[in-house]
C-alpha atoms as a PDB file:
ATOM      1  CA  MET A   1      16.739 -59.314   8.247  1.00  0.00           C
ATOM      2  CA  PRO A   2      13.794 -59.015   5.292  1.00  0.00           C
ATOM      3  CA  GLU A   3      11.416 -55.861   5.786  1.00  0.00           C
ATOM      4  CA  SER A   4       7.317 -56.309   6.957  1.00  0.00           C
ATOM      5  CA  ARG A   5       5.007 -55.113   5.061  1.00  0.00           C
ATOM      6  CA  VAL A   6       3.371 -52.680   6.907  1.00  0.00           C
ATOM      7  CA  ARG A   7       6.535 -51.035   7.843  1.00  0.00           C
ATOM      8  CA  LYS A   8       7.277 -50.907   4.152  1.00  0.00           C
ATOM      9  CA  THR A   9       3.760 -49.841   3.150  1.00  0.00           C
ATOM     10  CA  ALA A  10       4.587 -47.012   6.278  1.00  0.00           C
ATOM     11  CA  ALA A  11       6.791 -45.823   4.236  1.00  0.00           C
ATOM     12  CA  GLU A  12       5.458 -45.752   1.045  1.00  0.00           C
ATOM     13  CA  LYS A  13       2.636 -43.343   2.940  1.00  0.00           C
ATOM     14  CA  LYS A  14       4.621 -41.262   4.309  1.00  0.00           C
ATOM     15  CA  LYS A  15       6.770 -40.427   1.024  1.00  0.00           C
ATOM     16  CA  GLN A  16       3.261 -39.736  -0.002  1.00  0.00           C
ATOM     17  CA  ALA A  17       2.073 -37.586   2.709  1.00  0.00           C
ATOM     18  CA  SER A  18       5.176 -35.476   1.476  1.00  0.00           C
ATOM     19  CA  LYS A  19       5.025 -35.247  -1.604  1.00  0.00           C
ATOM     20  CA  GLU A  20       1.183 -33.811  -1.031  1.00  0.00           C
ATOM     21  CA  LYS A  21       2.367 -31.815   1.260  1.00  0.00           C
ATOM     22  CA  VAL A  22       5.251 -30.251  -0.880  1.00  0.00           C
ATOM     23  CA  SER A  23       3.069 -30.179  -3.502  1.00  0.00           C
ATOM     24  CA  GLN A  24       0.758 -28.195  -1.352  1.00  0.00           C
ATOM     25  CA  ALA A  25       3.165 -26.051  -0.486  1.00  0.00           C
ATOM     26  CA  ARG A  26       3.939 -25.502  -4.274  1.00  0.00           C
ATOM     27  CA  ALA A  27      -0.372 -24.877  -5.150  1.00  0.00           C
ATOM     28  CA  GLU A  28       0.082 -22.163  -2.083  1.00  0.00           C
ATOM     29  CA  GLU A  29       2.789 -20.236  -3.129  1.00  0.00           C
ATOM     30  CA  LYS A  30       1.261 -19.733  -6.692  1.00  0.00           C
ATOM     31  CA  ARG A  31      -1.994 -18.131  -4.912  1.00  0.00           C
ATOM     32  CA  HIS A  32       0.202 -15.284  -4.232  1.00  0.00           C
ATOM     33  CA  VAL A  33      -0.153 -12.740  -5.994  1.00  0.00           C
ATOM     34  CA  VAL A  34       3.029 -10.264  -6.002  1.00  0.00           C
ATOM     35  CA  ALA A  35       3.188  -7.029  -5.993  1.00  0.00           C
ATOM     36  CA  PRO A  36       3.228  -5.313 -10.008  1.00  0.00           C
ATOM     37  CA  GLY A  37       6.123  -3.368 -10.201  1.00  0.00           C
ATOM     38  CA  SER A  38       8.424  -1.403  -8.401  1.00  0.00           C
ATOM     39  CA  ARG A  39       6.412   1.285  -5.542  1.00  0.00           C
ATOM     40  CA  GLN A  40       9.426   3.946  -6.036  1.00  0.00           C
ATOM     41  CA  TRP A  41       7.132   5.777  -7.344  1.00  0.00           C
ATOM     42  CA  VAL A  42       5.084   6.094  -3.727  1.00  0.00           C
ATOM     43  CA  ALA A  43       7.404   7.857  -1.620  1.00  0.00           C
ATOM     44  CA  PRO A  44       7.808  11.348  -3.786  1.00  0.00           C
ATOM     45  CA  ALA A  45       4.187  11.576  -4.668  1.00  0.00           C
ATOM     46  CA  PHE A  46       3.253  11.598  -1.001  1.00  0.00           C
ATOM     47  CA  ILE A  47       5.661  13.861   0.229  1.00  0.00           C
ATOM     48  CA  THR A  48       4.493  16.229  -2.873  1.00  0.00           C
ATOM     49  CA  LEU A  49       0.796  15.283  -1.898  1.00  0.00           C
ATOM     50  CA  GLY A  50       1.449  16.603   1.860  1.00  0.00           C
ATOM     51  CA  LEU A  51       3.999  19.366   0.824  1.00  0.00           C
ATOM     52  CA  ILE A  52       0.892  21.010  -1.386  1.00  0.00           C
ATOM     53  CA  GLY A  53      -1.620  20.063   1.251  1.00  0.00           C
ATOM     54  CA  VAL A  54       0.615  22.334   3.448  1.00  0.00           C
ATOM     55  CA  ILE A  55       1.456  25.268   1.017  1.00  0.00           C
ATOM     56  CA  TRP A  56      -2.356  24.758   0.079  1.00  0.00           C
ATOM     57  CA  LEU A  57      -3.384  25.663   3.811  1.00  0.00           C
ATOM     58  CA  VAL A  58      -1.102  28.153   4.240  1.00  0.00           C
ATOM     59  CA  VAL A  59      -1.150  30.147   0.948  1.00  0.00           C
ATOM     60  CA  TYR A  60      -4.844  30.546   2.386  1.00  0.00           C
ATOM     61  CA  TYR A  61      -4.275  31.427   5.542  1.00  0.00           C
ATOM     62  CA  ILE A  62      -2.132  34.023   4.356  1.00  0.00           C
ATOM     63  CA  THR A  63      -3.909  35.454   1.885  1.00  0.00           C
ATOM     64  CA  ALA A  64      -7.258  35.307   3.935  1.00  0.00           C
ATOM     65  CA  SER A  65      -5.178  37.805   6.701  1.00  0.00           C
ATOM     66  CA  THR A  66      -3.683  40.346   4.731  1.00  0.00           C
ATOM     67  CA  GLY A  67      -6.502  40.693   2.541  1.00  0.00           C
ATOM     68  CA  ILE A  68      -4.665  40.139  -0.918  1.00  0.00           C
ATOM     69  CA  GLN A  69      -6.342  38.424  -3.442  1.00  0.00           C
ATOM     70  CA  VAL A  70      -6.072  35.268  -5.133  1.00  0.00           C
ATOM     71  CA  PRO A  71      -8.694  34.365  -7.862  1.00  0.00           C
ATOM     72  CA  VAL A  72      -9.493  31.111  -7.045  1.00  0.00           C
ATOM     73  CA  MET A  73      -8.873  31.280  -3.803  1.00  0.00           C
ATOM     74  CA  THR A  74     -10.509  33.945  -2.572  1.00  0.00           C
ATOM     75  CA  ASP A  75     -13.457  32.683  -4.563  1.00  0.00           C
ATOM     76  CA  LEU A  76     -13.310  29.072  -2.902  1.00  0.00           C
ATOM     77  CA  GLY A  77     -13.775  31.606   0.804  1.00  0.00           C
ATOM     78  CA  ALA A  78     -14.023  28.436   3.226  1.00  0.00           C
ATOM     79  CA  TRP A  79     -13.343  25.453   1.282  1.00  0.00           C
ATOM     80  CA  ASN A  80     -10.126  26.213   0.841  1.00  0.00           C
ATOM     81  CA  VAL A  81      -9.419  24.707   3.824  1.00  0.00           C
ATOM     82  CA  GLY A  82     -11.048  20.857   3.349  1.00  0.00           C
ATOM     83  CA  ILE A  83      -8.937  21.213  -0.083  1.00  0.00           C
ATOM     84  CA  GLY A  84      -6.053  21.037   1.726  1.00  0.00           C
ATOM     85  CA  MET A  85      -7.052  18.631   3.442  1.00  0.00           C
ATOM     86  CA  VAL A  86      -7.917  16.492   0.787  1.00  0.00           C
ATOM     87  CA  PHE A  87      -4.540  16.406  -0.218  1.00  0.00           C
ATOM     88  CA  MET A  88      -2.404  15.822   3.166  1.00  0.00           C
ATOM     89  CA  ALA A  89      -5.426  12.927   3.079  1.00  0.00           C
ATOM     90  CA  GLY A  90      -4.239  11.389  -0.193  1.00  0.00           C
ATOM     91  CA  ALA A  91      -0.584  12.061   0.581  1.00  0.00           C
ATOM     92  CA  PHE A  92      -1.521   9.110   3.869  1.00  0.00           C
ATOM     93  CA  ALA A  93      -3.175   7.041   1.464  1.00  0.00           C
ATOM     94  CA  LEU A  94      -0.489   7.087  -0.512  1.00  0.00           C
ATOM     95  CA  SER A  95       2.096   6.222   2.000  1.00  0.00           C
ATOM     96  CA  THR A  96      -0.057   3.015   2.828  1.00  0.00           C
ATOM     97  CA  LEU A  97       1.265   1.238  -0.737  1.00  0.00           C
ATOM     98  CA  TRP A  98       5.091   2.036   0.181  1.00  0.00           C
ATOM     99  CA  LYS A  99       7.260  -1.020   0.884  1.00  0.00           C
END
């Protein structure tokens, strides 16, 4: 039995719609930006920044309580707490880049 024209046009429309879906999906894939390079540097960097911040605070508190004079730290005074916190906040910000 021969196919009717209605059935042929419906099949052609379905095939055309599937082609359009595929082309839209490919265009959508091209829009996604891939992260440049690898991010292996992030973990050592945020661990290092965090440790620098903690060590800065520990050294400041020990030197302030014992009266030891460290040339730059003694001049900064209470700003040392802020500096240590900035290092630790930078480490936290870097950790969000890790995949």
